[in-house]
């Protein structure tokens, strides 16, 4: 709109504006637009699915209200502590049970862990439990990343695939929001499971 105002004040721009409209129509109606093909040289981009690579260790493929599914086809019921190469059951049902005692395992590990990714189940509005364990984590120099379980699973997978010395302490969420993709994948998984060959 401002450009048109200047065109009215300066008539010499009107001619250029009409040329621009003709040029735009030619581009829109041209059927011979140049489109580059796929890059075929060295350094071509490729996609690598992390959860299919067993060399990266144990990764989390999925979770539900009752537990977790890992990339090695194991299913863990309830809360878990997951390391790059092993998994333990964790006797914690919700954030109120996260105490110095429930975190004491992480103080005796060798080599020392870089970070604990703490999946607290559903999204939290109240982080009062953290006040109780803060002196403990500072005393033992433990780094915590506190996230909802959905985000914590992805964060653990990413840090583990980078080769970091990471531990995941995961509590299954109480509520889930399933997408259409989740439903389809679940149906396909169980169809293949129960198919008779």
C-alpha atoms as a PDB file:
ATOM      1  CA  UNK A   1       0.000   0.000   0.000  1.00  0.00           C
ATOM      2  CA  UNK A   2       2.835   2.395   0.759  1.00  0.00           C
ATOM      3  CA  UNK A   3       4.421   1.534  -2.590  1.00  0.00           C
ATOM      4  CA  UNK A   4       1.245   2.507  -4.449  1.00  0.00           C
ATOM      5  CA  UNK A   5       1.173   5.830  -2.617  1.00  0.00           C
ATOM      6  CA  UNK A   6       4.697   6.556  -3.876  1.00  0.00           C
ATOM      7  CA  UNK A   7       3.667   5.538  -7.399  1.00  0.00           C
ATOM      8  CA  UNK A   8       0.911   8.094  -7.395  1.00  0.00           C
ATOM      9  CA  UNK A   9       3.354  10.791  -6.350  1.00  0.00           C
ATOM     10  CA  UNK A  10       5.974   9.678  -8.847  1.00  0.00           C
ATOM     11  CA  UNK A  11       4.356   8.627 -12.137  1.00  0.00           C
ATOM     12  CA  UNK A  12       7.619   7.256 -13.564  1.00  0.00           C
ATOM     13  CA  UNK A  13       7.288   4.220 -11.193  1.00  0.00           C
ATOM     14  CA  UNK A  14       3.893   3.286 -12.651  1.00  0.00           C
ATOM     15  CA  UNK A  15       5.544   1.952 -15.787  1.00  0.00           C
ATOM     16  CA  UNK A  16       7.851  -0.310 -13.717  1.00  0.00           C
ATOM     17  CA  UNK A  17       4.913  -1.545 -11.637  1.00  0.00           C
ATOM     18  CA  UNK A  18       3.021  -2.623 -14.766  1.00  0.00           C
ATOM     19  CA  UNK A  19       6.146  -4.446 -16.019  1.00  0.00           C
ATOM     20  CA  UNK A  20       6.384  -6.291 -12.695  1.00  0.00           C
ATOM     21  CA  UNK A  21       2.784  -7.522 -13.071  1.00  0.00           C
ATOM     22  CA  UNK A  22       3.540  -8.843 -16.578  1.00  0.00           C
ATOM     23  CA  UNK A  23       6.676 -10.575 -15.323  1.00  0.00           C
ATOM     24  CA  UNK A  24       4.753 -12.229 -12.439  1.00  0.00           C
ATOM     25  CA  UNK A  25       2.120 -13.554 -14.868  1.00  0.00           C
ATOM     26  CA  UNK A  26       4.841 -15.032 -17.084  1.00  0.00           C
ATOM     27  CA  UNK A  27       6.399 -16.881 -14.141  1.00  0.00           C
ATOM     28  CA  UNK A  28       3.055 -18.194 -12.924  1.00  0.00           C
ATOM     29  CA  UNK A  29       2.008 -19.516 -16.357  1.00  0.00           C
ATOM     30  CA  UNK A  30       5.396 -20.833 -17.458  1.00  0.00           C
ATOM     31  CA  UNK A  31       5.505 -24.630 -17.573  1.00  0.00           C
ATOM     32  CA  UNK A  32       9.270 -24.814 -18.041  1.00  0.00           C
ATOM     33  CA  UNK A  33      10.477 -23.756 -14.608  1.00  0.00           C
ATOM     34  CA  UNK A  34      13.925 -24.984 -13.729  1.00  0.00           C
ATOM     35  CA  UNK A  35      14.004 -27.368 -10.730  1.00  0.00           C
ATOM     36  CA  UNK A  36      17.277 -28.831  -9.477  1.00  0.00           C
ATOM     37  CA  UNK A  37      17.508 -32.616  -9.207  1.00  0.00           C
ATOM     38  CA  UNK A  38      18.627 -34.557  -6.173  1.00  0.00           C
ATOM     39  CA  UNK A  39      22.247 -34.183  -5.211  1.00  0.00           C
ATOM     40  CA  UNK A  40      24.173 -37.260  -6.338  1.00  0.00           C
ATOM     41  CA  UNK A  41      27.749 -36.328  -5.408  1.00  0.00           C
ATOM     42  CA  UNK A  42      29.898 -37.285  -2.423  1.00  0.00           C
ATOM     43  CA  UNK A  43      28.619 -36.074   0.935  1.00  0.00           C
ATOM     44  CA  UNK A  44      25.001 -36.840   0.090  1.00  0.00           C
ATOM     45  CA  UNK A  45      22.703 -36.470   3.109  1.00  0.00           C
ATOM     46  CA  UNK A  46      21.413 -39.684   4.601  1.00  0.00           C
ATOM     47  CA  UNK A  47      19.039 -40.555   7.432  1.00  0.00           C
ATOM     48  CA  UNK A  48      20.013 -42.931  10.222  1.00  0.00           C
ATOM     49  CA  UNK A  49      17.387 -44.265  12.662  1.00  0.00           C
ATOM     50  CA  UNK A  50      19.071 -44.261  16.088  1.00  0.00           C
ATOM     51  CA  UNK A  51      16.781 -46.783  17.804  1.00  0.00           C
ATOM     52  CA  UNK A  52      17.633 -49.459  15.202  1.00  0.00           C
ATOM     53  CA  UNK A  53      21.378 -49.221  15.888  1.00  0.00           C
ATOM     54  CA  UNK A  54      22.356 -51.720  18.593  1.00  0.00           C
ATOM     55  CA  UNK A  55      25.867 -50.231  18.853  1.00  0.00           C
ATOM     56  CA  UNK A  56      24.427 -47.174  20.606  1.00  0.00           C
ATOM     57  CA  UNK A  57      23.250 -49.220  23.569  1.00  0.00           C
ATOM     58  CA  UNK A  58      19.775 -49.337  25.029  1.00  0.00           C
ATOM     59  CA  UNK A  59      17.333 -46.676  23.878  1.00  0.00           C
ATOM     60  CA  UNK A  60      13.698 -46.074  24.772  1.00  0.00           C
ATOM     61  CA  UNK A  61      11.303 -46.864  21.912  1.00  0.00           C
ATOM     62  CA  UNK A  62       8.047 -46.094  23.688  1.00  0.00           C
ATOM     63  CA  UNK A  63       6.234 -45.716  26.977  1.00  0.00           C
ATOM     64  CA  UNK A  64       2.776 -46.207  28.404  1.00  0.00           C
ATOM     65  CA  UNK A  65       0.998 -45.849  31.726  1.00  0.00           C
ATOM     66  CA  UNK A  66       2.402 -49.194  32.855  1.00  0.00           C
ATOM     67  CA  UNK A  67       5.995 -49.047  31.642  1.00  0.00           C
ATOM     68  CA  UNK A  68       8.479 -48.688  28.820  1.00  0.00           C
ATOM     69  CA  UNK A  69       9.452 -50.477  25.589  1.00  0.00           C
ATOM     70  CA  UNK A  70      13.142 -50.565  24.708  1.00  0.00           C
ATOM     71  CA  UNK A  71      14.933 -50.918  21.367  1.00  0.00           C
ATOM     72  CA  UNK A  72      16.061 -54.460  22.297  1.00  0.00           C
ATOM     73  CA  UNK A  73      12.366 -55.552  22.403  1.00  0.00           C
ATOM     74  CA  UNK A  74      12.300 -55.681  26.210  1.00  0.00           C
ATOM     75  CA  UNK A  75       9.312 -54.263  28.064  1.00  0.00           C
ATOM     76  CA  UNK A  76       9.904 -52.783  31.511  1.00  0.00           C
ATOM     77  CA  UNK A  77       6.884 -52.632  33.817  1.00  0.00           C
ATOM     78  CA  UNK A  78       6.775 -49.691  36.194  1.00  0.00           C
ATOM     79  CA  UNK A  79       9.471 -47.127  36.858  1.00  0.00           C
ATOM     80  CA  UNK A  80      13.002 -47.821  35.719  1.00  0.00           C
ATOM     81  CA  UNK A  81      16.582 -46.646  35.896  1.00  0.00           C
ATOM     82  CA  UNK A  82      18.166 -46.991  32.471  1.00  0.00           C
ATOM     83  CA  UNK A  83      21.877 -46.937  31.730  1.00  0.00           C
ATOM     84  CA  UNK A  84      23.533 -47.031  28.299  1.00  0.00           C
ATOM     85  CA  UNK A  85      23.901 -50.841  28.492  1.00  0.00           C
ATOM     86  CA  UNK A  86      21.550 -52.027  31.283  1.00  0.00           C
ATOM     87  CA  UNK A  87      18.211 -51.412  32.992  1.00  0.00           C
ATOM     88  CA  UNK A  88      17.020 -51.701  36.600  1.00  0.00           C
ATOM     89  CA  UNK A  89      13.573 -51.564  38.119  1.00  0.00           C
ATOM     90  CA  UNK A  90      13.134 -48.445  40.280  1.00  0.00           C
ATOM     91  CA  UNK A  91      10.820 -48.644  43.285  1.00  0.00           C
ATOM     92  CA  UNK A  92       9.348 -45.141  42.811  1.00  0.00           C
ATOM     93  CA  UNK A  93       5.724 -44.609  41.769  1.00  0.00           C
ATOM     94  CA  UNK A  94       5.519 -40.796  41.733  1.00  0.00           C
ATOM     95  CA  UNK A  95       7.609 -37.687  42.458  1.00  0.00           C
ATOM     96  CA  UNK A  96       6.712 -37.696  46.160  1.00  0.00           C
ATOM     97  CA  UNK A  97       8.824 -40.861  46.494  1.00  0.00           C
ATOM     98  CA  UNK A  98      11.953 -39.287  44.963  1.00  0.00           C
ATOM     99  CA  UNK A  99      14.171 -38.908  48.014  1.00  0.00           C
ATOM    100  CA  UNK A 100      17.830 -39.066  48.970  1.00  0.00           C
ATOM    101  CA  UNK A 101      17.372 -42.790  49.545  1.00  0.00           C
ATOM    102  CA  UNK A 102      15.882 -43.402  46.088  1.00  0.00           C
ATOM    103  CA  UNK A 103      18.770 -41.450  44.503  1.00  0.00           C
ATOM    104  CA  UNK A 104      21.524 -43.034  46.622  1.00  0.00           C
ATOM    105  CA  UNK A 105      22.347 -45.544  43.865  1.00  0.00           C
ATOM    106  CA  UNK A 106      23.691 -42.719  41.699  1.00  0.00           C
ATOM    107  CA  UNK A 107      26.341 -41.707  44.275  1.00  0.00           C
ATOM    108  CA  UNK A 108      28.246 -45.010  44.111  1.00  0.00           C
ATOM    109  CA  UNK A 109      28.453 -45.482  40.351  1.00  0.00           C
ATOM    110  CA  UNK A 110      31.817 -45.653  38.617  1.00  0.00           C
ATOM    111  CA  UNK A 111      32.614 -44.025  36.265  1.00  0.00           C
ATOM    112  CA  UNK A 112      30.820 -40.964  37.549  1.00  0.00           C
ATOM    113  CA  UNK A 113      27.720 -40.092  35.560  1.00  0.00           C
ATOM    114  CA  UNK A 114      27.497 -36.835  33.608  1.00  0.00           C
ATOM    115  CA  UNK A 115      23.779 -36.278  34.112  1.00  0.00           C
ATOM    116  CA  UNK A 116      20.601 -37.927  35.367  1.00  0.00           C
ATOM    117  CA  UNK A 117      17.586 -37.381  33.134  1.00  0.00           C
ATOM    118  CA  UNK A 118      14.653 -37.574  35.523  1.00  0.00           C
ATOM    119  CA  UNK A 119      11.308 -38.374  33.872  1.00  0.00           C
ATOM    120  CA  UNK A 120       8.676 -37.345  36.421  1.00  0.00           C
ATOM    121  CA  UNK A 121       5.608 -38.762  34.648  1.00  0.00           C
ATOM    122  CA  UNK A 122       3.152 -36.052  33.685  1.00  0.00           C
ATOM    123  CA  UNK A 123       4.036 -32.369  33.361  1.00  0.00           C
ATOM    124  CA  UNK A 124       4.567 -30.851  36.824  1.00  0.00           C
ATOM    125  CA  UNK A 125       3.360 -27.513  38.076  1.00  0.00           C
ATOM    126  CA  UNK A 126       4.876 -27.943  41.534  1.00  0.00           C
ATOM    127  CA  UNK A 127       8.591 -28.708  41.936  1.00  0.00           C
ATOM    128  CA  UNK A 128       8.601 -28.771  45.762  1.00  0.00           C
ATOM    129  CA  UNK A 129      10.152 -32.251  45.774  1.00  0.00           C
ATOM    130  CA  UNK A 130      13.281 -30.704  44.270  1.00  0.00           C
ATOM    131  CA  UNK A 131      13.841 -28.557  47.367  1.00  0.00           C
ATOM    132  CA  UNK A 132      14.199 -31.733  49.442  1.00  0.00           C
ATOM    133  CA  UNK A 133      16.803 -33.345  47.180  1.00  0.00           C
ATOM    134  CA  UNK A 134      18.737 -30.206  46.175  1.00  0.00           C
ATOM    135  CA  UNK A 135      21.249 -30.371  49.085  1.00  0.00           C
ATOM    136  CA  UNK A 136      21.834 -34.063  48.309  1.00  0.00           C
ATOM    137  CA  UNK A 137      22.490 -33.434  44.600  1.00  0.00           C
ATOM    138  CA  UNK A 138      24.867 -30.568  45.383  1.00  0.00           C
ATOM    139  CA  UNK A 139      26.748 -32.585  47.998  1.00  0.00           C
ATOM    140  CA  UNK A 140      27.347 -35.433  45.533  1.00  0.00           C
ATOM    141  CA  UNK A 141      27.737 -33.153  42.481  1.00  0.00           C
ATOM    142  CA  UNK A 142      24.888 -34.836  40.620  1.00  0.00           C
ATOM    143  CA  UNK A 143      23.464 -32.963  37.646  1.00  0.00           C
ATOM    144  CA  UNK A 144      19.699 -33.411  37.176  1.00  0.00           C
ATOM    145  CA  UNK A 145      17.524 -32.675  34.165  1.00  0.00           C
ATOM    146  CA  UNK A 146      13.894 -32.822  35.365  1.00  0.00           C
ATOM    147  CA  UNK A 147      11.383 -33.290  32.534  1.00  0.00           C
ATOM    148  CA  UNK A 148       8.014 -34.886  31.818  1.00  0.00           C
ATOM    149  CA  UNK A 149       8.599 -38.533  30.901  1.00  0.00           C
ATOM    150  CA  UNK A 150       7.845 -38.007  27.205  1.00  0.00           C
ATOM    151  CA  UNK A 151      10.586 -35.380  26.874  1.00  0.00           C
ATOM    152  CA  UNK A 152      12.912 -37.252  29.224  1.00  0.00           C
ATOM    153  CA  UNK A 153      12.841 -40.356  27.008  1.00  0.00           C
ATOM    154  CA  UNK A 154      13.902 -38.337  23.959  1.00  0.00           C
ATOM    155  CA  UNK A 155      16.585 -36.496  25.934  1.00  0.00           C
ATOM    156  CA  UNK A 156      18.002 -39.755  27.315  1.00  0.00           C
ATOM    157  CA  UNK A 157      18.094 -41.291  23.815  1.00  0.00           C
ATOM    158  CA  UNK A 158      19.870 -38.271  22.370  1.00  0.00           C
ATOM    159  CA  UNK A 159      22.500 -38.031  25.132  1.00  0.00           C
ATOM    160  CA  UNK A 160      23.063 -41.791  25.037  1.00  0.00           C
ATOM    161  CA  UNK A 161      23.549 -41.751  21.264  1.00  0.00           C
ATOM    162  CA  UNK A 162      26.165 -39.004  21.709  1.00  0.00           C
ATOM    163  CA  UNK A 163      28.146 -41.368  23.939  1.00  0.00           C
ATOM    164  CA  UNK A 164      27.584 -39.374  27.137  1.00  0.00           C
ATOM    165  CA  UNK A 165      27.631 -41.168  30.490  1.00  0.00           C
ATOM    166  CA  UNK A 166      23.917 -40.602  31.097  1.00  0.00           C
ATOM    167  CA  UNK A 167      21.377 -42.280  33.348  1.00  0.00           C
ATOM    168  CA  UNK A 168      17.616 -42.079  32.939  1.00  0.00           C
ATOM    169  CA  UNK A 169      15.332 -42.381  35.967  1.00  0.00           C
ATOM    170  CA  UNK A 170      11.849 -42.703  34.494  1.00  0.00           C
ATOM    171  CA  UNK A 171       8.375 -42.791  36.048  1.00  0.00           C
ATOM    172  CA  UNK A 172       5.551 -43.795  33.656  1.00  0.00           C
ATOM    173  CA  UNK A 173       3.003 -41.009  33.086  1.00  0.00           C
ATOM    174  CA  UNK A 174      -0.505 -41.321  34.511  1.00  0.00           C
ATOM    175  CA  UNK A 175      -2.146 -39.778  31.419  1.00  0.00           C
ATOM    176  CA  UNK A 176      -1.348 -40.223  27.746  1.00  0.00           C
ATOM    177  CA  UNK A 177      -2.482 -38.413  24.650  1.00  0.00           C
ATOM    178  CA  UNK A 178      -2.418 -40.881  21.771  1.00  0.00           C
ATOM    179  CA  UNK A 179      -2.178 -39.620  18.215  1.00  0.00           C
ATOM    180  CA  UNK A 180      -3.571 -41.370  15.144  1.00  0.00           C
ATOM    181  CA  UNK A 181      -0.034 -42.522  14.309  1.00  0.00           C
ATOM    182  CA  UNK A 182       0.308 -44.104  17.762  1.00  0.00           C
ATOM    183  CA  UNK A 183      -2.960 -45.979  17.304  1.00  0.00           C
ATOM    184  CA  UNK A 184      -2.005 -47.177  13.830  1.00  0.00           C
ATOM    185  CA  UNK A 185       1.447 -48.367  14.928  1.00  0.00           C
ATOM    186  CA  UNK A 186      -0.071 -50.169  17.907  1.00  0.00           C
ATOM    187  CA  UNK A 187      -2.659 -51.920  15.717  1.00  0.00           C
ATOM    188  CA  UNK A 188       0.031 -52.932  13.215  1.00  0.00           C
ATOM    189  CA  UNK A 189       2.285 -54.222  15.997  1.00  0.00           C
ATOM    190  CA  UNK A 190      -0.446 -56.387  17.536  1.00  0.00           C
ATOM    191  CA  UNK A 191      -1.717 -57.550  14.128  1.00  0.00           C
ATOM    192  CA  UNK A 192       1.775 -58.824  13.295  1.00  0.00           C
ATOM    193  CA  UNK A 193       2.059 -60.366  16.746  1.00  0.00           C
ATOM    194  CA  UNK A 194      -1.157 -62.365  16.430  1.00  0.00           C
ATOM    195  CA  UNK A 195      -0.948 -63.230  12.727  1.00  0.00           C
ATOM    196  CA  UNK A 196      -0.775 -66.929  11.991  1.00  0.00           C
ATOM    197  CA  UNK A 197       1.811 -67.880   9.400  1.00  0.00           C
END
